[in-house]
């Protein structure tokens, strides 16, 4: 686990005290400079994700949700506050598959980046690839795959990075409504087979309630936490369950 704090003199990353695990964000503020003056993306944001817990973050566009994920992954540093997280991997909004590589090789890229040879990487990736329901499409190029299949390849690549924390940035935002629902069910099943700590950013309130153990609602920029909703129901969850419908309404009300 590493801890990233706002700098006093120079930014620094160092080992965090043991025993916490997961993700801890405390009173974090992030400010960007610009030609028209500084822009505060996040202000005083605090949240936690316990080991193997799924936390969804919902909020309007521009409220700093993607910035929050980059802070969790150590790709940015806060201007105030601290971020303490187990090693994390970011799955961005776009699948970013290499168009000249087959699906299995795209999934295995996470292993190749860690120095694993091609043959060994393919062999190691195959089990995850098959678990993602992609058997038979090993050699298919990205343009030959459906949107849902591309996202499953991207998720397999994310899992194969071998990090305990998954930072998922709108993983299904570009899909049509029916495919998105199917992918939400698939992701819930995948996390049941292979639990991880997950911080999921989404605009879809229903997706948040269906997938997460806790839903964090953000305000418009500068992003602040306006409400945190516990989801006490076991997965899988039907979208029409009264409890899911009630929590979805509460989250939408908090969004304003």
C-alpha atoms as a PDB file:
ATOM      1  CA  UNK A   1       0.000   0.000   0.000  1.00  0.00           C
ATOM      2  CA  UNK A   2       1.204   3.518  -0.735  1.00  0.00           C
ATOM      3  CA  UNK A   3       0.143   6.845   0.678  1.00  0.00           C
ATOM      4  CA  UNK A   4       0.088  10.029  -1.363  1.00  0.00           C
ATOM      5  CA  UNK A   5      -0.227  13.262   0.572  1.00  0.00           C
ATOM      6  CA  UNK A   6      -0.390  16.879  -0.425  1.00  0.00           C
ATOM      7  CA  UNK A   7       3.182  18.192  -0.528  1.00  0.00           C
ATOM      8  CA  UNK A   8       4.605  20.378   2.179  1.00  0.00           C
ATOM      9  CA  UNK A   9       7.833  21.083   0.306  1.00  0.00           C
ATOM     10  CA  UNK A  10       8.111  18.370  -2.337  1.00  0.00           C
ATOM     11  CA  UNK A  11       5.527  15.747  -3.370  1.00  0.00           C
ATOM     12  CA  UNK A  12       6.318  12.319  -2.011  1.00  0.00           C
ATOM     13  CA  UNK A  13       5.027   8.753  -2.120  1.00  0.00           C
ATOM     14  CA  UNK A  14       5.850   6.461   0.758  1.00  0.00           C
ATOM     15  CA  UNK A  15       4.683   3.282   2.418  1.00  0.00           C
ATOM     16  CA  UNK A  16       1.508   3.688   4.409  1.00  0.00           C
ATOM     17  CA  UNK A  17       0.935   2.288   7.872  1.00  0.00           C
ATOM     18  CA  UNK A  18      -0.225  -1.311   7.644  1.00  0.00           C
ATOM     19  CA  UNK A  19      -3.594  -2.726   8.488  1.00  0.00           C
ATOM     20  CA  UNK A  20      -5.968  -0.548   6.495  1.00  0.00           C
ATOM     21  CA  UNK A  21      -5.968  -2.003   3.002  1.00  0.00           C
ATOM     22  CA  UNK A  22      -8.334  -1.043   0.228  1.00  0.00           C
ATOM     23  CA  UNK A  23      -8.642   2.668  -0.521  1.00  0.00           C
ATOM     24  CA  UNK A  24      -8.743   5.666   1.821  1.00  0.00           C
ATOM     25  CA  UNK A  25      -9.273   9.192   0.501  1.00  0.00           C
ATOM     26  CA  UNK A  26      -9.234  11.877   3.185  1.00  0.00           C
ATOM     27  CA  UNK A  27     -10.113  15.560   2.714  1.00  0.00           C
ATOM     28  CA  UNK A  28      -8.638  15.627  -0.784  1.00  0.00           C
ATOM     29  CA  UNK A  29      -8.585  18.787  -2.875  1.00  0.00           C
ATOM     30  CA  UNK A  30      -7.242  18.911  -6.437  1.00  0.00           C
ATOM     31  CA  UNK A  31      -6.735  22.176  -8.311  1.00  0.00           C
ATOM     32  CA  UNK A  32      -5.724  22.596 -11.958  1.00  0.00           C
ATOM     33  CA  UNK A  33      -4.099  25.694 -13.368  1.00  0.00           C
ATOM     34  CA  UNK A  34      -5.467  27.292 -16.526  1.00  0.00           C
ATOM     35  CA  UNK A  35      -5.240  30.358 -18.718  1.00  0.00           C
ATOM     36  CA  UNK A  36      -8.359  31.750 -17.059  1.00  0.00           C
ATOM     37  CA  UNK A  37      -7.166  30.978 -13.547  1.00  0.00           C
ATOM     38  CA  UNK A  38      -7.164  27.916 -11.280  1.00  0.00           C
ATOM     39  CA  UNK A  39      -9.995  25.389 -11.475  1.00  0.00           C
ATOM     40  CA  UNK A  40     -10.857  23.308  -8.413  1.00  0.00           C
ATOM     41  CA  UNK A  41     -11.842  19.814  -9.568  1.00  0.00           C
ATOM     42  CA  UNK A  42     -12.241  18.228  -6.110  1.00  0.00           C
ATOM     43  CA  UNK A  43     -12.690  19.915  -2.738  1.00  0.00           C
ATOM     44  CA  UNK A  44     -12.469  18.168   0.611  1.00  0.00           C
ATOM     45  CA  UNK A  45     -13.428  14.752  -0.744  1.00  0.00           C
ATOM     46  CA  UNK A  46     -13.327  11.769   1.626  1.00  0.00           C
ATOM     47  CA  UNK A  47     -14.309   8.166   0.908  1.00  0.00           C
ATOM     48  CA  UNK A  48     -13.244   4.643   1.775  1.00  0.00           C
ATOM     49  CA  UNK A  49     -13.372   1.270   0.064  1.00  0.00           C
ATOM     50  CA  UNK A  50     -12.600  -1.684   2.299  1.00  0.00           C
ATOM     51  CA  UNK A  51     -10.744  -4.676   0.830  1.00  0.00           C
ATOM     52  CA  UNK A  52     -13.021  -6.519  -1.657  1.00  0.00           C
ATOM     53  CA  UNK A  53     -15.668  -3.811  -1.379  1.00  0.00           C
ATOM     54  CA  UNK A  54     -17.255  -2.182  -4.441  1.00  0.00           C
ATOM     55  CA  UNK A  55     -17.790   1.570  -4.096  1.00  0.00           C
ATOM     56  CA  UNK A  56     -19.552   3.468  -6.891  1.00  0.00           C
ATOM     57  CA  UNK A  57     -19.074   7.210  -7.398  1.00  0.00           C
ATOM     58  CA  UNK A  58     -21.840   9.045  -9.251  1.00  0.00           C
ATOM     59  CA  UNK A  59     -22.070  12.698 -10.169  1.00  0.00           C
ATOM     60  CA  UNK A  60     -22.519  15.145 -13.029  1.00  0.00           C
ATOM     61  CA  UNK A  61     -19.963  15.570 -15.794  1.00  0.00           C
ATOM     62  CA  UNK A  62     -16.969  17.656 -14.766  1.00  0.00           C
ATOM     63  CA  UNK A  63     -17.271  16.975 -11.023  1.00  0.00           C
ATOM     64  CA  UNK A  64     -13.823  15.350 -10.806  1.00  0.00           C
ATOM     65  CA  UNK A  65     -14.755  11.659 -10.846  1.00  0.00           C
ATOM     66  CA  UNK A  66     -12.018  10.692 -13.306  1.00  0.00           C
ATOM     67  CA  UNK A  67      -9.540  12.848 -11.386  1.00  0.00           C
ATOM     68  CA  UNK A  68     -10.469  10.904  -8.255  1.00  0.00           C
ATOM     69  CA  UNK A  69      -9.633   7.599  -9.959  1.00  0.00           C
ATOM     70  CA  UNK A  70      -6.276   8.933 -11.168  1.00  0.00           C
ATOM     71  CA  UNK A  71      -5.481   9.993  -7.603  1.00  0.00           C
ATOM     72  CA  UNK A  72      -6.344   6.495  -6.347  1.00  0.00           C
ATOM     73  CA  UNK A  73      -4.018   5.008  -8.991  1.00  0.00           C
ATOM     74  CA  UNK A  74      -1.185   7.409  -8.118  1.00  0.00           C
ATOM     75  CA  UNK A  75      -1.311   9.107 -11.536  1.00  0.00           C
ATOM     76  CA  UNK A  76      -1.938  12.474  -9.871  1.00  0.00           C
ATOM     77  CA  UNK A  77      -1.187  13.977  -6.483  1.00  0.00           C
ATOM     78  CA  UNK A  78      -3.635  15.886  -4.277  1.00  0.00           C
ATOM     79  CA  UNK A  79      -3.093  19.560  -3.501  1.00  0.00           C
ATOM     80  CA  UNK A  80      -4.483  18.929  -0.015  1.00  0.00           C
ATOM     81  CA  UNK A  81      -5.432  15.833   1.944  1.00  0.00           C
ATOM     82  CA  UNK A  82      -4.158  12.305   1.413  1.00  0.00           C
ATOM     83  CA  UNK A  83      -4.818   9.181  -0.627  1.00  0.00           C
ATOM     84  CA  UNK A  84      -3.876   5.791   0.819  1.00  0.00           C
ATOM     85  CA  UNK A  85      -4.493   2.812  -1.469  1.00  0.00           C
ATOM     86  CA  UNK A  86      -3.374  -0.688  -2.270  1.00  0.00           C
ATOM     87  CA  UNK A  87      -1.784  -0.944  -5.756  1.00  0.00           C
ATOM     88  CA  UNK A  88      -4.446  -0.009  -8.295  1.00  0.00           C
ATOM     89  CA  UNK A  89      -4.996  -0.336 -12.029  1.00  0.00           C
ATOM     90  CA  UNK A  90      -7.130   2.073 -14.079  1.00  0.00           C
ATOM     91  CA  UNK A  91      -9.611   0.891 -16.708  1.00  0.00           C
ATOM     92  CA  UNK A  92     -10.336   4.086 -18.699  1.00  0.00           C
ATOM     93  CA  UNK A  93     -13.588   5.015 -20.422  1.00  0.00           C
ATOM     94  CA  UNK A  94     -12.377   3.845 -23.845  1.00  0.00           C
ATOM     95  CA  UNK A  95     -11.223   0.245 -24.256  1.00  0.00           C
ATOM     96  CA  UNK A  96      -7.935   1.339 -25.932  1.00  0.00           C
ATOM     97  CA  UNK A  97      -7.443  -2.039 -27.615  1.00  0.00           C
ATOM     98  CA  UNK A  98      -4.589  -2.192 -30.106  1.00  0.00           C
ATOM     99  CA  UNK A  99      -6.255  -2.496 -33.551  1.00  0.00           C
ATOM    100  CA  UNK A 100      -3.484  -4.719 -34.991  1.00  0.00           C
ATOM    101  CA  UNK A 101      -3.562  -7.258 -32.125  1.00  0.00           C
ATOM    102  CA  UNK A 102      -5.949 -10.150 -31.668  1.00  0.00           C
ATOM    103  CA  UNK A 103      -8.272 -10.200 -28.674  1.00  0.00           C
ATOM    104  CA  UNK A 104      -6.160 -12.610 -26.611  1.00  0.00           C
ATOM    105  CA  UNK A 105      -2.984 -10.625 -27.238  1.00  0.00           C
ATOM    106  CA  UNK A 106      -4.816  -7.438 -26.217  1.00  0.00           C
ATOM    107  CA  UNK A 107      -5.883  -9.080 -22.952  1.00  0.00           C
ATOM    108  CA  UNK A 108      -2.329 -10.333 -22.389  1.00  0.00           C
ATOM    109  CA  UNK A 109      -0.813  -6.851 -22.800  1.00  0.00           C
ATOM    110  CA  UNK A 110      -0.957  -6.340 -19.032  1.00  0.00           C
ATOM    111  CA  UNK A 111       1.356  -9.334 -18.621  1.00  0.00           C
ATOM    112  CA  UNK A 112       3.661  -8.288 -21.461  1.00  0.00           C
ATOM    113  CA  UNK A 113       4.037  -4.900 -19.762  1.00  0.00           C
ATOM    114  CA  UNK A 114       5.289  -6.762 -16.681  1.00  0.00           C
ATOM    115  CA  UNK A 115       8.006  -8.446 -18.750  1.00  0.00           C
ATOM    116  CA  UNK A 116       6.292 -11.781 -19.429  1.00  0.00           C
ATOM    117  CA  UNK A 117       7.138 -13.347 -22.799  1.00  0.00           C
ATOM    118  CA  UNK A 118       4.443 -13.579 -25.478  1.00  0.00           C
ATOM    119  CA  UNK A 119       3.884 -17.345 -25.307  1.00  0.00           C
ATOM    120  CA  UNK A 120       3.738 -17.413 -21.513  1.00  0.00           C
ATOM    121  CA  UNK A 121       1.523 -14.309 -21.434  1.00  0.00           C
ATOM    122  CA  UNK A 122      -0.962 -15.887 -23.850  1.00  0.00           C
ATOM    123  CA  UNK A 123      -1.059 -19.119 -21.855  1.00  0.00           C
ATOM    124  CA  UNK A 124      -1.567 -17.282 -18.572  1.00  0.00           C
ATOM    125  CA  UNK A 125      -4.205 -14.958 -20.037  1.00  0.00           C
ATOM    126  CA  UNK A 126      -6.246 -17.732 -21.619  1.00  0.00           C
ATOM    127  CA  UNK A 127      -8.055 -18.774 -18.416  1.00  0.00           C
ATOM    128  CA  UNK A 128      -9.205 -15.211 -17.719  1.00  0.00           C
ATOM    129  CA  UNK A 129     -10.089 -14.796 -21.401  1.00  0.00           C
ATOM    130  CA  UNK A 130     -12.277 -17.916 -21.343  1.00  0.00           C
ATOM    131  CA  UNK A 131     -13.893 -16.868 -18.046  1.00  0.00           C
ATOM    132  CA  UNK A 132     -14.869 -13.640 -19.794  1.00  0.00           C
ATOM    133  CA  UNK A 133     -16.877 -15.668 -22.313  1.00  0.00           C
ATOM    134  CA  UNK A 134     -14.488 -14.934 -25.178  1.00  0.00           C
ATOM    135  CA  UNK A 135     -13.367 -18.443 -26.102  1.00  0.00           C
ATOM    136  CA  UNK A 136     -13.166 -18.814 -29.878  1.00  0.00           C
ATOM    137  CA  UNK A 137     -12.335 -15.140 -30.434  1.00  0.00           C
ATOM    138  CA  UNK A 138      -8.640 -15.315 -29.525  1.00  0.00           C
ATOM    139  CA  UNK A 139      -7.485 -14.113 -32.951  1.00  0.00           C
ATOM    140  CA  UNK A 140     -10.341 -11.677 -33.620  1.00  0.00           C
ATOM    141  CA  UNK A 141      -9.235  -8.093 -34.202  1.00  0.00           C
ATOM    142  CA  UNK A 142     -10.983  -5.342 -32.203  1.00  0.00           C
ATOM    143  CA  UNK A 143     -13.067  -4.166 -35.179  1.00  0.00           C
ATOM    144  CA  UNK A 144     -14.463  -7.698 -35.463  1.00  0.00           C
ATOM    145  CA  UNK A 145     -15.811  -7.658 -31.895  1.00  0.00           C
ATOM    146  CA  UNK A 146     -19.041  -6.196 -30.529  1.00  0.00           C
ATOM    147  CA  UNK A 147     -18.881  -3.324 -28.043  1.00  0.00           C
ATOM    148  CA  UNK A 148     -19.625  -5.638 -25.137  1.00  0.00           C
ATOM    149  CA  UNK A 149     -16.924  -8.087 -26.195  1.00  0.00           C
ATOM    150  CA  UNK A 150     -14.381  -5.282 -26.500  1.00  0.00           C
ATOM    151  CA  UNK A 151     -15.190  -4.192 -22.938  1.00  0.00           C
ATOM    152  CA  UNK A 152     -14.760  -7.769 -21.703  1.00  0.00           C
ATOM    153  CA  UNK A 153     -11.319  -7.914 -23.361  1.00  0.00           C
ATOM    154  CA  UNK A 154     -10.442  -4.606 -21.683  1.00  0.00           C
ATOM    155  CA  UNK A 155     -11.656  -5.898 -18.321  1.00  0.00           C
ATOM    156  CA  UNK A 156      -9.683  -9.133 -18.723  1.00  0.00           C
ATOM    157  CA  UNK A 157      -6.601  -7.008 -19.432  1.00  0.00           C
ATOM    158  CA  UNK A 158      -7.358  -4.991 -16.267  1.00  0.00           C
ATOM    159  CA  UNK A 159      -7.632  -8.143 -14.133  1.00  0.00           C
ATOM    160  CA  UNK A 160      -4.404  -9.531 -15.571  1.00  0.00           C
ATOM    161  CA  UNK A 161      -2.535  -6.465 -14.337  1.00  0.00           C
ATOM    162  CA  UNK A 162      -2.584  -8.303 -10.998  1.00  0.00           C
ATOM    163  CA  UNK A 163      -3.530  -5.316  -8.809  1.00  0.00           C
ATOM    164  CA  UNK A 164      -5.833  -5.665  -5.791  1.00  0.00           C
ATOM    165  CA  UNK A 165      -7.681  -2.406  -6.576  1.00  0.00           C
ATOM    166  CA  UNK A 166      -9.620  -1.847  -9.806  1.00  0.00           C
ATOM    167  CA  UNK A 167     -10.432   1.756 -10.745  1.00  0.00           C
ATOM    168  CA  UNK A 168     -13.166   1.555 -13.386  1.00  0.00           C
ATOM    169  CA  UNK A 169     -14.008   4.762 -15.247  1.00  0.00           C
ATOM    170  CA  UNK A 170     -17.439   4.549 -16.927  1.00  0.00           C
ATOM    171  CA  UNK A 171     -16.657   1.032 -18.215  1.00  0.00           C
ATOM    172  CA  UNK A 172     -20.017   0.648 -19.986  1.00  0.00           C
ATOM    173  CA  UNK A 173     -20.864   4.262 -20.748  1.00  0.00           C
ATOM    174  CA  UNK A 174     -20.478   3.889 -24.533  1.00  0.00           C
ATOM    175  CA  UNK A 175     -22.763   0.851 -24.819  1.00  0.00           C
ATOM    176  CA  UNK A 176     -26.445   0.765 -25.709  1.00  0.00           C
ATOM    177  CA  UNK A 177     -28.907   0.248 -22.845  1.00  0.00           C
ATOM    178  CA  UNK A 178     -29.501  -3.493 -23.380  1.00  0.00           C
ATOM    179  CA  UNK A 179     -25.803  -4.328 -23.783  1.00  0.00           C
ATOM    180  CA  UNK A 180     -24.989  -2.170 -20.759  1.00  0.00           C
ATOM    181  CA  UNK A 181     -27.394  -4.150 -18.564  1.00  0.00           C
ATOM    182  CA  UNK A 182     -25.925  -7.433 -19.775  1.00  0.00           C
ATOM    183  CA  UNK A 183     -22.399  -6.175 -19.067  1.00  0.00           C
ATOM    184  CA  UNK A 184     -23.398  -5.033 -15.574  1.00  0.00           C
ATOM    185  CA  UNK A 185     -24.655  -8.550 -14.828  1.00  0.00           C
ATOM    186  CA  UNK A 186     -21.469 -10.011 -16.300  1.00  0.00           C
ATOM    187  CA  UNK A 187     -19.270  -7.726 -14.177  1.00  0.00           C
ATOM    188  CA  UNK A 188     -21.158  -8.654 -11.000  1.00  0.00           C
ATOM    189  CA  UNK A 189     -20.567 -12.337 -11.770  1.00  0.00           C
ATOM    190  CA  UNK A 190     -16.885 -11.722 -12.596  1.00  0.00           C
ATOM    191  CA  UNK A 191     -16.326  -9.943  -9.268  1.00  0.00           C
ATOM    192  CA  UNK A 192     -18.105 -12.772  -7.438  1.00  0.00           C
ATOM    193  CA  UNK A 193     -15.615 -15.242  -8.977  1.00  0.00           C
ATOM    194  CA  UNK A 194     -12.576 -13.041  -8.425  1.00  0.00           C
ATOM    195  CA  UNK A 195     -13.223 -10.406  -5.732  1.00  0.00           C
ATOM    196  CA  UNK A 196     -11.315  -7.119  -5.819  1.00  0.00           C
ATOM    197  CA  UNK A 197     -11.533  -3.755  -4.182  1.00  0.00           C
ATOM    198  CA  UNK A 198     -13.341  -1.657  -6.787  1.00  0.00           C
ATOM    199  CA  UNK A 199     -13.898   2.074  -7.184  1.00  0.00           C
ATOM    200  CA  UNK A 200     -16.407   2.461 -10.015  1.00  0.00           C
ATOM    201  CA  UNK A 201     -17.174   5.828 -11.605  1.00  0.00           C
ATOM    202  CA  UNK A 202     -20.476   6.012 -13.459  1.00  0.00           C
ATOM    203  CA  UNK A 203     -23.203   8.423 -14.577  1.00  0.00           C
ATOM    204  CA  UNK A 204     -25.737   5.584 -14.312  1.00  0.00           C
ATOM    205  CA  UNK A 205     -27.382   5.621 -10.872  1.00  0.00           C
ATOM    206  CA  UNK A 206     -29.035   2.249 -11.454  1.00  0.00           C
ATOM    207  CA  UNK A 207     -25.669   0.720 -12.396  1.00  0.00           C
ATOM    208  CA  UNK A 208     -24.201   2.056  -9.159  1.00  0.00           C
ATOM    209  CA  UNK A 209     -26.952   0.576  -6.984  1.00  0.00           C
ATOM    210  CA  UNK A 210     -26.951  -2.783  -8.788  1.00  0.00           C
ATOM    211  CA  UNK A 211     -23.171  -3.276  -8.594  1.00  0.00           C
ATOM    212  CA  UNK A 212     -21.894  -1.463  -5.499  1.00  0.00           C
ATOM    213  CA  UNK A 213     -21.836  -2.018  -1.754  1.00  0.00           C
ATOM    214  CA  UNK A 214     -21.861   1.740  -1.265  1.00  0.00           C
ATOM    215  CA  UNK A 215     -22.779   4.682  -3.512  1.00  0.00           C
ATOM    216  CA  UNK A 216     -20.995   8.023  -3.128  1.00  0.00           C
ATOM    217  CA  UNK A 217     -22.876  10.962  -4.667  1.00  0.00           C
ATOM    218  CA  UNK A 218     -20.837  13.961  -5.842  1.00  0.00           C
ATOM    219  CA  UNK A 219     -21.843  17.582  -6.337  1.00  0.00           C
ATOM    220  CA  UNK A 220     -21.159  19.630  -9.498  1.00  0.00           C
ATOM    221  CA  UNK A 221     -17.654  21.100  -9.743  1.00  0.00           C
ATOM    222  CA  UNK A 222     -15.901  21.546  -7.455  1.00  0.00           C
ATOM    223  CA  UNK A 223     -16.678  17.928  -6.644  1.00  0.00           C
ATOM    224  CA  UNK A 224     -17.714  17.306  -3.048  1.00  0.00           C
ATOM    225  CA  UNK A 225     -19.351  14.293  -1.433  1.00  0.00           C
ATOM    226  CA  UNK A 226     -22.992  15.256  -0.801  1.00  0.00           C
ATOM    227  CA  UNK A 227     -24.330  11.831   0.234  1.00  0.00           C
ATOM    228  CA  UNK A 228     -23.169   8.276   0.868  1.00  0.00           C
ATOM    229  CA  UNK A 229     -25.702   5.465   0.518  1.00  0.00           C
ATOM    230  CA  UNK A 230     -25.142   1.979   1.910  1.00  0.00           C
ATOM    231  CA  UNK A 231     -26.488  -0.850  -0.279  1.00  0.00           C
ATOM    232  CA  UNK A 232     -27.371  -3.633   2.180  1.00  0.00           C
ATOM    233  CA  UNK A 233     -28.718  -6.154  -0.341  1.00  0.00           C
ATOM    234  CA  UNK A 234     -26.710  -9.188  -1.523  1.00  0.00           C
ATOM    235  CA  UNK A 235     -25.789  -9.568  -5.180  1.00  0.00           C
ATOM    236  CA  UNK A 236     -27.104 -10.398  -7.703  1.00  0.00           C
ATOM    237  CA  UNK A 237     -29.764  -7.677  -7.466  1.00  0.00           C
ATOM    238  CA  UNK A 238     -32.791  -7.302  -9.679  1.00  0.00           C
ATOM    239  CA  UNK A 239     -33.271  -3.772 -10.986  1.00  0.00           C
ATOM    240  CA  UNK A 240     -36.953  -3.961 -10.069  1.00  0.00           C
ATOM    241  CA  UNK A 241     -36.396  -4.942  -6.429  1.00  0.00           C
ATOM    242  CA  UNK A 242     -38.141  -2.373  -4.165  1.00  0.00           C
ATOM    243  CA  UNK A 243     -34.933  -1.709  -2.218  1.00  0.00           C
ATOM    244  CA  UNK A 244     -32.967  -1.051  -5.415  1.00  0.00           C
ATOM    245  CA  UNK A 245     -35.691   1.248  -6.713  1.00  0.00           C
ATOM    246  CA  UNK A 246     -35.756   3.161  -3.402  1.00  0.00           C
ATOM    247  CA  UNK A 247     -31.978   3.634  -3.295  1.00  0.00           C
ATOM    248  CA  UNK A 248     -31.913   4.687  -6.932  1.00  0.00           C
ATOM    249  CA  UNK A 249     -34.498   7.368  -6.158  1.00  0.00           C
ATOM    250  CA  UNK A 250     -32.511   8.535  -3.109  1.00  0.00           C
ATOM    251  CA  UNK A 251     -29.324   8.848  -5.185  1.00  0.00           C
ATOM    252  CA  UNK A 252     -31.116  10.783  -7.908  1.00  0.00           C
ATOM    253  CA  UNK A 253     -32.607  13.105  -5.307  1.00  0.00           C
ATOM    254  CA  UNK A 254     -29.119  13.741  -3.874  1.00  0.00           C
ATOM    255  CA  UNK A 255     -27.873  14.584  -7.378  1.00  0.00           C
ATOM    256  CA  UNK A 256     -30.544  17.264  -7.541  1.00  0.00           C
END
